[in-house]
């Protein structure tokens, strides 16, 4: 090998096996497909959980409206709307706050780990 090709390197580059490169590309493509499938399934699961929460909030709101309408004499429809929104928004807001708090804590841990490591 001539001097110009090896200049700046301790060892000359070895040619890679084409079969190995193809196998690595196929493995990477297969991993990408599996990852994409998992992401799609998690997205569907997220919507299912969201829908179940909305249905539970509506059912709970209906129960509250029925009880309040019978005992206090409030309008069932308006009470149902308000109770359903409260039963959906309050737990959802608490979950979002907790998720953001966890994300901030994770970023802080990662930043501290990097600064302590270097």
Protein backbone atom coordinates (compact mmCIF):
# COMPACT_ATOMS: atom_id res chain seq x y z
CA UNK A 1 0.00 0.00 0.00
CA UNK A 2 1.44 3.35 -0.88
CA UNK A 3 2.39 5.93 1.68
CA UNK A 4 -0.27 8.46 0.71
CA UNK A 5 -3.17 6.05 1.43
CA UNK A 6 -1.88 5.15 4.91
CA UNK A 7 -0.80 8.61 5.93
CA UNK A 8 -2.36 9.64 9.25
CA UNK A 9 -3.51 6.09 10.03
CA UNK A 10 -1.80 3.45 12.08
CA UNK A 11 -3.25 0.59 10.03
CA UNK A 12 -4.59 0.51 6.50
CA UNK A 13 -8.38 0.08 6.20
CA UNK A 14 -9.56 -3.42 5.53
CA UNK A 15 -12.22 -4.03 2.94
CA UNK A 16 -15.48 -5.10 4.51
CA UNK A 17 -17.25 -8.20 3.44
CA UNK A 18 -20.27 -7.37 1.24
CA UNK A 19 -22.27 -10.22 2.81
CA UNK A 20 -21.71 -8.77 6.28
CA UNK A 21 -22.76 -5.29 5.13
CA UNK A 22 -25.92 -6.69 3.55
CA UNK A 23 -26.72 -8.71 6.68
CA UNK A 24 -26.26 -5.62 8.86
CA UNK A 25 -28.51 -3.56 6.58
CA UNK A 26 -31.17 -6.28 6.66
CA UNK A 27 -30.96 -6.52 10.45
CA UNK A 28 -31.26 -2.74 10.74
CA UNK A 29 -34.26 -2.72 8.40
CA UNK A 30 -35.91 -5.50 10.37
CA UNK A 31 -35.29 -3.64 13.64
CA UNK A 32 -36.77 -0.48 12.12
CA UNK A 33 -39.91 -2.37 11.06
CA UNK A 34 -40.33 -3.91 14.52
CA UNK A 35 -39.86 -0.49 16.12
CA UNK A 36 -42.41 1.14 13.81
CA UNK A 37 -44.93 -1.63 14.55
CA UNK A 38 -44.43 -1.17 18.30
CA UNK A 39 -44.90 2.59 17.97
CA UNK A 40 -48.16 2.11 16.04
CA UNK A 41 -49.47 -0.33 18.64
CA UNK A 42 -48.59 2.02 21.49
CA UNK A 43 -50.35 4.87 19.70
CA UNK A 44 -53.49 2.75 19.35
CA UNK A 45 -53.26 1.73 23.00
CA UNK A 46 -52.93 5.37 24.01
CA UNK A 47 -56.14 6.24 22.15
CA UNK A 48 -57.94 3.25 23.70
CA UNK A 49 -56.92 4.35 27.20
CA UNK A 50 -57.95 7.93 26.43
CA UNK A 51 -61.35 6.76 25.13
CA UNK A 52 -61.90 4.51 28.14
CA UNK A 53 -61.15 7.45 30.45
CA UNK A 54 -63.61 9.64 28.57
CA UNK A 55 -66.32 6.98 28.80
CA UNK A 56 -65.69 6.50 32.51
CA UNK A 57 -65.87 10.27 33.05
CA UNK A 58 -69.17 10.43 31.18
CA UNK A 59 -70.60 7.52 33.17
CA UNK A 60 -69.44 9.07 36.43
CA UNK A 61 -70.89 12.41 35.36
CA UNK A 62 -74.21 10.76 34.58
CA UNK A 63 -74.26 9.13 38.00
CA UNK A 64 -73.47 12.43 39.73
CA UNK A 65 -76.09 14.25 37.66
CA UNK A 66 -78.71 11.62 38.44
CA UNK A 67 -78.01 11.78 42.19
CA UNK A 68 -77.81 15.59 42.29
CA UNK A 69 -80.90 15.97 40.12
CA UNK A 70 -82.92 13.73 42.42
CA UNK A 71 -81.71 15.22 45.71
CA UNK A 72 -81.05 18.91 45.03
CA UNK A 73 -83.20 19.45 41.96
CA UNK A 74 -80.44 20.60 39.61
CA UNK A 75 -80.78 20.26 35.86
CA UNK A 76 -79.54 16.79 34.92
CA UNK A 77 -78.07 17.81 31.54
CA UNK A 78 -76.00 20.75 32.84
CA UNK A 79 -74.88 18.82 35.92
CA UNK A 80 -73.88 15.89 33.71
CA UNK A 81 -71.78 18.13 31.45
CA UNK A 82 -70.02 19.88 34.33
CA UNK A 83 -69.44 16.68 36.33
CA UNK A 84 -68.13 14.81 33.27
CA UNK A 85 -65.71 17.60 32.43
CA UNK A 86 -64.46 17.78 36.01
CA UNK A 87 -64.06 14.00 36.21
CA UNK A 88 -62.05 14.03 32.96
CA UNK A 89 -60.05 17.26 33.24
CA UNK A 90 -58.89 17.04 36.86
CA UNK A 91 -57.33 13.54 36.68
CA UNK A 92 -56.00 14.28 33.18
CA UNK A 93 -54.43 17.52 34.35
CA UNK A 94 -52.88 15.78 37.34
CA UNK A 95 -51.45 13.09 35.03
CA UNK A 96 -49.99 15.68 32.65
CA UNK A 97 -48.40 17.58 35.55
CA UNK A 98 -46.86 14.34 36.87
CA UNK A 99 -45.54 13.39 33.42
CA UNK A 100 -43.89 16.79 32.97
CA UNK A 101 -42.43 16.62 36.47
CA UNK A 102 -40.94 13.20 35.69
CA UNK A 103 -39.52 14.47 32.38
CA UNK A 104 -37.85 17.42 34.12
CA UNK A 105 -36.40 15.11 36.78
CA UNK A 106 -35.07 12.77 34.08
CA UNK A 107 -33.43 15.66 32.21
CA UNK A 108 -31.84 16.86 35.45
CA UNK A 109 -30.55 13.37 36.23
CA UNK A 110 -29.12 13.02 32.73
CA UNK A 111 -27.48 16.44 32.93
CA UNK A 112 -25.98 15.65 36.35
CA UNK A 113 -24.76 12.27 35.12
CA UNK A 114 -23.05 13.87 32.11
CA UNK A 115 -21.43 16.63 34.19
CA UNK A 116 -20.24 14.16 36.84
CA UNK A 117 -18.96 11.72 34.21
CA UNK A 118 -16.78 14.22 32.33
